[in-house]
N, C-alpha and C. Protein backbone atom coordinates (compact mmCIF):
# COMPACT_ATOMS: atom_id res chain seq x y z
N UNK A 1 107.20 71.00 57.80
CA UNK A 1 107.57 71.73 58.73
C UNK A 1 108.10 71.06 60.20
N UNK A 2 108.66 70.63 60.91
CA UNK A 2 109.23 69.46 62.15
C UNK A 2 108.37 70.06 63.44
N UNK A 3 107.70 69.07 64.15
CA UNK A 3 107.55 69.89 65.67
C UNK A 3 108.68 69.74 66.69
N UNK A 4 108.22 70.60 67.29
CA UNK A 4 109.03 71.14 68.49
C UNK A 4 108.99 70.03 69.59
N UNK A 5 110.13 69.30 70.04
CA UNK A 5 110.30 68.11 70.69
C UNK A 5 109.90 68.34 72.08
N UNK A 6 109.61 69.82 72.40
CA UNK A 6 109.45 70.36 73.76
C UNK A 6 108.56 70.06 73.92
N UNK A 7 107.40 70.44 72.66
CA UNK A 7 106.23 70.35 72.89
C UNK A 7 105.49 69.20 73.13
N UNK A 8 106.19 68.03 72.77
CA UNK A 8 105.43 66.33 72.66
C UNK A 8 105.55 66.19 74.01
N UNK A 9 105.54 66.80 74.99
CA UNK A 9 105.04 66.27 76.17
C UNK A 9 103.88 67.09 76.48
N UNK A 10 103.13 68.05 75.88
CA UNK A 10 101.47 68.55 76.16
C UNK A 10 100.71 67.61 75.47
N UNK A 11 101.33 66.10 74.48
CA UNK A 11 100.01 65.29 74.16
C UNK A 11 100.15 64.08 75.36
N UNK A 12 101.22 64.42 76.39
CA UNK A 12 101.19 63.39 77.29
C UNK A 12 99.75 63.04 78.23
N UNK A 13 100.02 61.71 78.50
CA UNK A 13 98.72 61.21 79.21
C UNK A 13 98.45 62.30 80.54
N UNK A 14 99.42 62.13 81.08
CA UNK A 14 99.76 62.44 82.49
C UNK A 14 99.33 64.60 82.34
N UNK A 15 100.37 65.01 81.36
CA UNK A 15 100.02 66.44 80.83
C UNK A 15 98.42 66.61 80.69
N UNK A 16 97.75 65.85 79.89
CA UNK A 16 96.14 66.32 79.48
C UNK A 16 95.52 66.04 80.75
N UNK A 17 95.55 64.90 81.79
CA UNK A 17 94.83 64.65 82.91
C UNK A 17 94.99 66.16 83.93
N UNK A 18 96.50 66.59 84.32
CA UNK A 18 96.25 67.51 84.73
C UNK A 18 96.02 68.78 84.43
N UNK A 19 95.61 68.75 83.21
CA UNK A 19 95.12 70.30 82.57
C UNK A 19 93.33 70.32 82.76
N UNK A 20 92.86 68.64 82.34
CA UNK A 20 91.71 68.03 82.57
C UNK A 20 90.87 68.53 84.30
N UNK A 21 92.27 68.23 84.92
CA UNK A 21 91.39 68.41 86.70
C UNK A 21 91.61 69.57 86.94
N UNK A 22 92.03 70.69 86.55
CA UNK A 22 91.67 72.31 87.09
C UNK A 22 90.33 72.55 87.03
N UNK A 23 89.17 72.38 86.33
CA UNK A 23 87.99 72.88 86.86
C UNK A 23 87.42 72.54 88.02
N UNK A 24 87.61 70.96 87.70
CA UNK A 24 87.09 70.32 88.98
C UNK A 24 88.11 70.80 90.22
N UNK A 25 89.38 70.83 90.64
CA UNK A 25 90.30 71.41 91.49
C UNK A 25 89.93 72.93 92.01
N UNK A 26 89.36 73.29 90.91
CA UNK A 26 89.02 75.01 91.27
C UNK A 26 87.32 75.38 91.90
N UNK A 27 86.43 74.71 90.98
CA UNK A 27 85.57 73.99 92.29
C UNK A 27 85.11 73.53 93.53
N UNK A 28 86.36 72.49 93.92
CA UNK A 28 86.07 72.29 95.05
C UNK A 28 87.12 73.35 96.14
N UNK A 29 87.96 74.05 95.54
CA UNK A 29 88.60 75.33 96.32
C UNK A 29 87.45 76.05 96.16
N UNK A 30 87.22 76.70 95.36
CA UNK A 30 86.10 77.78 95.49
C UNK A 30 85.19 77.22 96.77
N UNK A 31 84.40 75.99 96.91
CA UNK A 31 83.01 75.54 97.63
C UNK A 31 83.77 75.63 99.07
N UNK A 32 85.13 74.99 99.06
CA UNK A 32 85.84 75.34 100.38
C UNK A 32 86.03 76.77 101.04
N UNK A 33 86.22 77.71 100.33
CA UNK A 33 86.76 79.21 100.77
C UNK A 33 85.45 79.27 101.19
N UNK A 34 84.30 79.24 100.25
CA UNK A 34 83.27 80.28 100.50
C UNK A 34 82.46 79.28 101.62
N UNK A 35 82.12 78.11 101.80
CA UNK A 35 81.86 77.23 102.76
C UNK A 35 80.21 76.89 103.17
N UNK A 36 79.49 77.63 102.58
CA UNK A 36 77.98 77.33 102.65
C UNK A 36 77.21 76.57 101.82
N UNK A 37 76.22 75.81 102.09
CA UNK A 37 75.48 75.36 100.41
C UNK A 37 75.15 76.32 99.70
N UNK A 38 75.06 77.42 99.94
CA UNK A 38 74.64 78.50 99.17
C UNK A 38 75.51 79.02 98.14
N UNK A 39 76.70 78.78 98.57
CA UNK A 39 77.89 79.05 97.30
C UNK A 39 78.00 77.73 96.67
N UNK A 40 77.14 76.77 96.78
CA UNK A 40 77.38 75.96 95.55
C UNK A 40 77.35 76.41 94.23
N UNK A 41 76.21 77.23 94.40
CA UNK A 41 75.87 77.98 92.86
C UNK A 41 77.81 78.49 92.44
N UNK A 42 78.03 79.75 93.32
CA UNK A 42 79.31 80.15 93.32
C UNK A 42 80.64 79.11 92.72
N UNK A 43 80.52 78.06 93.45
CA UNK A 43 81.92 77.00 93.74
C UNK A 43 81.60 76.58 92.07
N UNK A 44 80.36 76.14 91.13
CA UNK A 44 79.88 75.66 89.89
C UNK A 44 80.56 76.35 89.42
N UNK A 45 80.19 77.39 89.35
CA UNK A 45 80.30 78.89 88.16
C UNK A 45 82.32 79.25 88.26
N UNK A 46 82.69 79.05 88.83
CA UNK A 46 84.17 79.01 89.56
C UNK A 46 84.66 77.92 88.55
N UNK A 47 84.27 77.01 88.55
CA UNK A 47 84.78 75.56 87.85
C UNK A 47 84.34 76.20 86.16
N UNK A 48 83.15 76.15 85.99
CA UNK A 48 83.02 76.39 84.71
C UNK A 48 83.55 77.39 84.12
N UNK A 49 84.10 78.63 84.60
CA UNK A 49 85.15 79.43 84.29
C UNK A 49 86.41 79.26 84.17
N UNK A 50 86.72 78.08 84.91
CA UNK A 50 87.86 77.29 84.60
C UNK A 50 88.19 76.65 83.54
N UNK A 51 86.80 76.23 83.02
CA UNK A 51 87.21 75.37 81.75
C UNK A 51 88.02 76.60 80.40
N UNK A 52 87.51 77.51 79.83
CA UNK A 52 87.52 78.19 79.28
C UNK A 52 89.18 78.88 79.25
N UNK A 53 89.72 79.07 80.53
CA UNK A 53 90.40 79.95 80.70
C UNK A 53 91.63 78.49 81.06
N UNK A 54 91.34 77.42 81.26
CA UNK A 54 92.83 76.11 81.10
C UNK A 54 92.63 75.83 79.42
N UNK A 55 91.35 76.07 78.57
CA UNK A 55 91.97 75.68 77.33
C UNK A 55 92.41 76.91 76.50
N UNK A 56 92.31 77.80 76.86
CA UNK A 56 92.29 79.18 75.93
C UNK A 56 93.41 80.09 76.26
N UNK A 57 94.01 79.83 77.74
CA UNK A 57 94.81 80.49 78.36
C UNK A 57 96.08 79.92 79.06
N UNK A 58 95.37 78.48 79.62
CA UNK A 58 96.66 78.35 80.53
C UNK A 58 97.38 76.82 79.78
N UNK A 59 96.90 76.09 78.82
CA UNK A 59 97.07 75.80 77.62
C UNK A 59 98.52 75.95 77.08
N UNK A 60 98.07 77.03 76.35
CA UNK A 60 98.71 77.82 75.47
C UNK A 60 99.84 78.82 76.00
N UNK A 61 99.79 78.87 77.37
CA UNK A 61 101.12 79.27 78.59
C UNK A 61 101.93 78.09 78.28
N UNK A 62 101.32 77.13 78.82
CA UNK A 62 102.45 76.02 78.75
C UNK A 62 103.04 75.80 77.72
N UNK A 63 102.31 75.98 76.65
CA UNK A 63 103.22 75.43 75.52
C UNK A 63 104.42 76.78 75.32
N UNK A 64 103.89 77.77 75.45
CA UNK A 64 105.07 78.82 74.82
C UNK A 64 106.19 78.83 75.63
N UNK A 65 105.92 78.38 77.46
CA UNK A 65 106.58 78.51 78.29
C UNK A 65 107.91 77.05 78.01
N UNK A 66 107.16 75.87 77.36
CA UNK A 66 107.97 74.83 77.28
C UNK A 66 109.05 75.34 75.92
N UNK A 67 108.42 75.99 75.53
CA UNK A 67 109.33 76.60 73.91
C UNK A 67 110.33 77.71 74.48
N UNK A 68 110.36 78.28 75.46
CA UNK A 68 111.44 79.27 75.95
C UNK A 68 112.41 78.71 76.94
N UNK A 69 112.09 77.33 77.31
CA UNK A 69 112.95 76.85 78.28
C UNK A 69 112.46 75.75 79.08
N UNK A 70 113.45 75.50 80.36
CA UNK A 70 112.53 74.98 81.04
C UNK A 70 111.44 75.12 81.72
N UNK A 71 110.38 74.66 82.23
CA UNK A 71 109.45 75.06 82.78
C UNK A 71 109.33 74.58 84.15
N UNK A 72 109.50 75.27 85.40
CA UNK A 72 109.41 74.55 86.95
C UNK A 72 108.17 74.94 87.34
N UNK A 73 108.11 74.13 88.43
CA UNK A 73 106.89 74.04 89.60
C UNK A 73 106.51 75.75 89.53
N UNK A 74 107.64 77.13 90.12
CA UNK A 74 107.52 78.10 90.53
C UNK A 74 106.60 78.48 89.09
N UNK A 75 106.68 78.36 87.94
CA UNK A 75 105.93 78.73 86.72
C UNK A 75 105.09 78.43 86.73
N UNK A 76 104.55 77.39 87.32
CA UNK A 76 103.09 76.79 87.46
C UNK A 76 102.47 77.44 88.01
N UNK A 77 103.16 77.90 89.63
CA UNK A 77 102.20 78.06 90.66
C UNK A 77 101.80 79.55 90.49
N UNK A 78 102.97 80.14 89.95
CA UNK A 78 102.44 81.76 89.94
C UNK A 78 101.12 82.15 88.73
N UNK A 79 101.88 81.21 87.28
CA UNK A 79 100.56 81.48 86.45
C UNK A 79 99.00 80.76 87.05
N UNK A 80 99.29 79.97 87.99
CA UNK A 80 97.62 79.47 88.46
C UNK A 80 97.07 80.93 89.33
N UNK A 81 97.83 81.35 90.19
CA UNK A 81 97.24 82.59 90.71
C UNK A 81 97.03 83.69 89.93
N UNK A 82 97.82 83.80 88.99
CA UNK A 82 97.07 84.88 87.91
C UNK A 82 95.93 85.00 87.20
N UNK A 83 96.32 83.33 86.64
CA UNK A 83 95.18 83.02 85.72
C UNK A 83 93.82 82.77 86.75
N UNK A 84 93.94 82.43 87.90
CA UNK A 84 92.62 82.18 88.95
C UNK A 84 92.22 84.04 89.17
N UNK A 85 92.79 84.80 88.79
CA UNK A 85 92.11 85.91 88.79
C UNK A 85 91.54 86.61 87.88
N UNK A 86 91.81 85.74 86.43
CA UNK A 86 91.07 86.27 85.26
C UNK A 86 89.31 86.98 85.51
N UNK A 87 88.51 85.52 86.19
CA UNK A 87 87.23 86.38 86.31
C UNK A 87 86.90 87.17 87.33
N UNK A 88 87.92 87.88 88.41
CA UNK A 88 87.98 88.92 89.43
C UNK A 88 88.28 89.91 88.72
N UNK A 89 89.12 90.11 87.33
CA UNK A 89 89.43 91.25 86.77
C UNK A 89 87.92 91.60 85.89
N UNK A 90 87.36 90.64 85.33
CA UNK A 90 86.44 90.77 84.46
C UNK A 90 85.46 91.27 84.86
N UNK A 91 84.91 90.73 86.33
CA UNK A 91 84.21 91.58 87.24
C UNK A 91 84.13 92.71 87.46
N UNK A 92 85.32 93.13 87.54
CA UNK A 92 86.09 94.61 87.81
C UNK A 92 85.43 95.32 86.83
N UNK A 93 86.08 95.05 85.63
CA UNK A 93 85.55 95.76 84.59
C UNK A 93 84.11 95.99 84.27
N UNK A 94 83.18 94.90 84.50
CA UNK A 94 81.78 94.62 84.62
C UNK A 94 81.06 95.78 85.52
N UNK A 95 81.65 95.81 86.80
CA UNK A 95 81.33 96.26 87.80
C UNK A 95 81.71 98.19 87.85
N UNK A 96 82.96 98.42 87.13
CA UNK A 96 83.15 99.54 86.22
C UNK A 96 82.35 100.36 85.34
N UNK A 97 81.82 99.28 84.47
CA UNK A 97 81.30 99.84 83.12
C UNK A 97 79.90 99.95 83.89
N UNK A 98 79.24 99.37 85.07
CA UNK A 98 77.73 99.19 85.33
C UNK A 98 77.79 100.60 86.09
N UNK A 99 78.66 100.76 86.70
CA UNK A 99 78.81 102.24 87.57
C UNK A 99 78.81 103.00 86.97
N UNK A 100 79.25 103.52 85.48
CA UNK A 100 79.74 104.40 85.05
C UNK A 100 78.36 104.50 83.88
N UNK A 101 77.42 103.34 83.70
CA UNK A 101 76.15 103.54 82.87
C UNK A 101 75.29 104.22 83.95
N UNK A 102 75.20 103.62 84.88
CA UNK A 102 74.31 104.21 86.31
C UNK A 102 74.38 105.80 86.72
N UNK A 103 75.51 106.43 86.90
CA UNK A 103 75.80 107.48 87.34
C UNK A 103 76.71 108.57 86.32
N UNK A 104 76.82 107.97 85.47
CA UNK A 104 77.53 108.49 84.49
C UNK A 104 79.23 108.88 84.96
N UNK A 105 79.61 108.16 86.27
CA UNK A 105 81.21 108.64 86.37
C UNK A 105 81.70 106.97 87.04
N UNK A 106 82.82 106.96 86.90
CA UNK A 106 83.31 105.77 87.47
C UNK A 106 83.29 105.64 89.34
N UNK A 107 82.69 104.43 89.39
CA UNK A 107 82.48 104.38 90.78
C UNK A 107 83.75 104.34 91.85
N UNK A 108 84.02 104.69 92.71
CA UNK A 108 84.65 104.89 93.35
C UNK A 108 85.85 103.60 93.87
N UNK A 109 87.50 103.66 93.36
CA UNK A 109 88.20 102.59 93.60
C UNK A 109 87.82 102.11 94.81
N UNK A 110 87.70 102.26 95.92
CA UNK A 110 87.56 101.49 97.24
C UNK A 110 86.21 100.40 96.76
N UNK A 111 84.96 100.97 96.33
CA UNK A 111 83.90 100.49 96.19
C UNK A 111 83.90 99.17 95.49
N UNK A 112 84.65 99.54 94.33
CA UNK A 112 85.20 98.22 93.42
C UNK A 112 85.72 97.21 94.30
N UNK A 113 87.11 97.86 94.48
CA UNK A 113 88.30 96.98 95.26
C UNK A 113 87.23 96.13 96.24
N UNK A 114 85.92 96.37 97.35
CA UNK A 114 85.61 95.95 98.35
C UNK A 114 84.74 94.68 97.54
N UNK A 115 84.09 95.07 96.47
CA UNK A 115 83.58 93.91 95.22
C UNK A 115 83.84 92.95 94.77
N UNK A 116 85.26 93.39 94.43
CA UNK A 116 86.02 92.19 93.94
C UNK A 116 87.06 91.47 95.00
N UNK A 117 87.26 92.29 96.48
CA UNK A 117 88.64 91.22 97.29
C UNK A 117 88.42 89.93 97.17
N UNK A 118 87.36 89.89 97.78
CA UNK A 118 87.00 88.33 98.12
C UNK A 118 86.84 87.30 96.85
N UNK A 119 86.29 87.83 96.15
CA UNK A 119 86.33 86.99 94.72
C UNK A 119 87.84 86.77 94.24
N UNK A 120 88.49 87.95 94.42
CA UNK A 120 90.26 87.70 93.80
C UNK A 120 91.19 86.89 94.89
N UNK A 121 90.33 87.03 95.92
CA UNK A 121 90.87 85.66 97.32
C UNK A 121 90.79 84.30 96.68
N UNK A 122 89.53 84.45 96.68
CA UNK A 122 88.72 82.94 96.29
C UNK A 122 89.86 82.26 94.74
N UNK A 123 90.03 83.04 93.91
CA UNK A 123 90.74 83.07 92.77
C UNK A 123 91.82 82.86 92.72
N UNK A 124 92.57 83.33 93.27
CA UNK A 124 94.24 83.10 93.95
C UNK A 124 94.05 81.59 94.52
N UNK A 125 93.38 81.52 95.31
CA UNK A 125 93.55 80.07 95.75
C UNK A 125 93.15 79.09 94.82
N UNK A 126 92.48 79.28 94.57
CA UNK A 126 91.61 78.20 93.26
C UNK A 126 92.84 78.07 92.37
N UNK A 127 93.37 78.82 91.95
CA UNK A 127 93.94 79.16 91.18
C UNK A 127 95.72 77.85 91.60
N UNK A 128 96.25 78.39 92.64
CA UNK A 128 97.36 78.28 93.12
C UNK A 128 96.82 76.72 93.80
N UNK A 129 95.64 76.39 93.98
CA UNK A 129 96.00 74.71 93.94
C UNK A 129 95.56 74.02 93.23
N UNK A 130 94.98 74.74 92.06
CA UNK A 130 94.53 73.96 90.37
C UNK A 130 96.00 73.73 89.94
N UNK A 131 96.98 75.06 90.08
CA UNK A 131 98.69 74.39 89.82
C UNK A 131 99.50 73.74 90.63
N UNK A 132 99.10 73.79 91.51
CA UNK A 132 99.54 72.86 92.67
C UNK A 132 99.39 71.19 92.09
N UNK A 133 98.07 70.85 91.95
CA UNK A 133 97.41 69.66 91.69
C UNK A 133 98.49 69.15 89.78
N UNK A 134 98.06 70.36 89.19
CA UNK A 134 98.76 70.28 88.03
C UNK A 134 100.03 69.90 88.06
N UNK A 135 100.90 70.41 89.05
CA UNK A 135 102.47 69.98 89.01
C UNK A 135 102.59 68.63 89.56
N UNK A 136 101.81 68.38 90.57
CA UNK A 136 101.72 67.32 91.30
C UNK A 136 101.48 65.74 90.04
N UNK A 137 100.18 66.14 89.15
CA UNK A 137 99.88 65.13 88.43
C UNK A 137 101.44 64.94 86.79
N UNK A 138 101.34 66.50 86.40
CA UNK A 138 102.27 66.42 85.26
C UNK A 138 103.59 66.86 85.40
N UNK A 139 103.60 67.58 86.67
CA UNK A 139 104.93 68.59 86.85
C UNK A 139 106.65 66.96 86.45
N UNK A 140 106.65 65.98 86.89
CA UNK A 140 107.56 64.77 86.36
C UNK A 140 107.91 64.39 84.99
N UNK A 141 106.59 64.54 84.02
CA UNK A 141 106.79 64.74 83.06
C UNK A 141 107.35 65.89 82.21
N UNK A 142 106.98 67.05 82.92
CA UNK A 142 107.15 68.23 82.18
C UNK A 142 108.78 68.37 82.34
N UNK A 143 109.32 68.37 83.62
CA UNK A 143 110.80 68.74 84.39
C UNK A 143 111.53 67.49 83.44
N UNK A 144 110.93 65.94 83.31
CA UNK A 144 111.97 65.45 82.22
C UNK A 144 112.12 65.94 80.77
N UNK A 145 110.93 66.23 80.20
CA UNK A 145 111.41 66.59 78.85
C UNK A 145 112.23 68.10 78.89
N UNK A 146 111.76 68.90 80.06
CA UNK A 146 112.52 70.27 79.52
C UNK A 146 114.05 69.96 79.86
N UNK A 147 114.67 68.45 80.90
CA UNK A 147 115.65 68.20 81.04
C UNK A 147 116.66 67.60 79.79
N UNK A 148 115.16 66.91 79.16
CA UNK A 148 115.89 66.02 77.68
C UNK A 148 116.47 67.35 76.36
N UNK A 149 115.41 68.54 76.72
CA UNK A 149 115.46 69.47 75.59
C UNK A 149 117.28 70.00 76.27
N UNK A 150 117.35 70.15 77.13
CA UNK A 150 119.03 70.80 77.28
C UNK A 150 120.06 69.36 77.28
N UNK A 151 119.72 68.32 77.12
CA UNK A 151 120.57 67.10 76.66
C UNK A 151 121.17 66.57 78.05
N UNK A 152 120.17 66.66 78.99
CA UNK A 152 120.98 66.54 80.29
C UNK A 152 120.59 65.10 80.06
N UNK A 153 121.20 63.65 80.55
CA UNK A 153 121.71 62.44 81.13
C UNK A 153 120.60 61.94 81.58
N UNK A 154 120.00 62.66 82.60
CA UNK A 154 119.17 61.85 83.46
C UNK A 154 117.64 62.23 83.54
N UNK A 155 117.66 62.51 81.76
CA UNK A 155 116.45 62.60 81.43
C UNK A 155 115.47 61.63 81.09
N UNK A 156 115.76 60.38 81.16
CA UNK A 156 114.84 59.13 80.98
C UNK A 156 114.50 59.12 82.48
N UNK A 157 114.57 59.55 83.92
CA UNK A 157 113.62 59.19 84.80
C UNK A 157 112.73 60.65 85.30
N UNK A 158 111.80 60.79 85.53
CA UNK A 158 111.26 61.71 85.79
C UNK A 158 111.40 62.30 87.35
N UNK A 159 111.70 63.29 87.50
CA UNK A 159 111.39 63.93 88.98
C UNK A 159 110.75 63.69 89.54
N UNK A 160 110.64 63.64 91.06
CA UNK A 160 109.67 63.72 91.83
C UNK A 160 109.39 64.75 92.88
């Protein structure tokens, strides 16, 4: 079975570097958003959570998007915001289950939203910043690969 040439870019060193930077960027953004030395533990947790999200969700998503057609910066940024909210969604489920166990009923939606609102904002910013850094590092290679898959003659020079 032949490999898809559009997926060859995922082995590129710049793409791999862009993916590897995701947890670091997420940690730094979370720390900057939370802003206190006491928030360092939370920021590190954000970075640790970014590792499996990058490996098991972002990377397969990139491969899927490459198979479907050109990948644009907009795709990366929207995916960053959505994927940055995975930990908040998990926290929402955990809070709902915890409330259900304690009281036998689901907690009020307002209480759940208040508990997850800040983490969702931090997750959105961390995801957006991480995706932005990814695109700055790897975007030119991905754009060139997208043009090459369409047979564009300018595919030899990466876009900036």
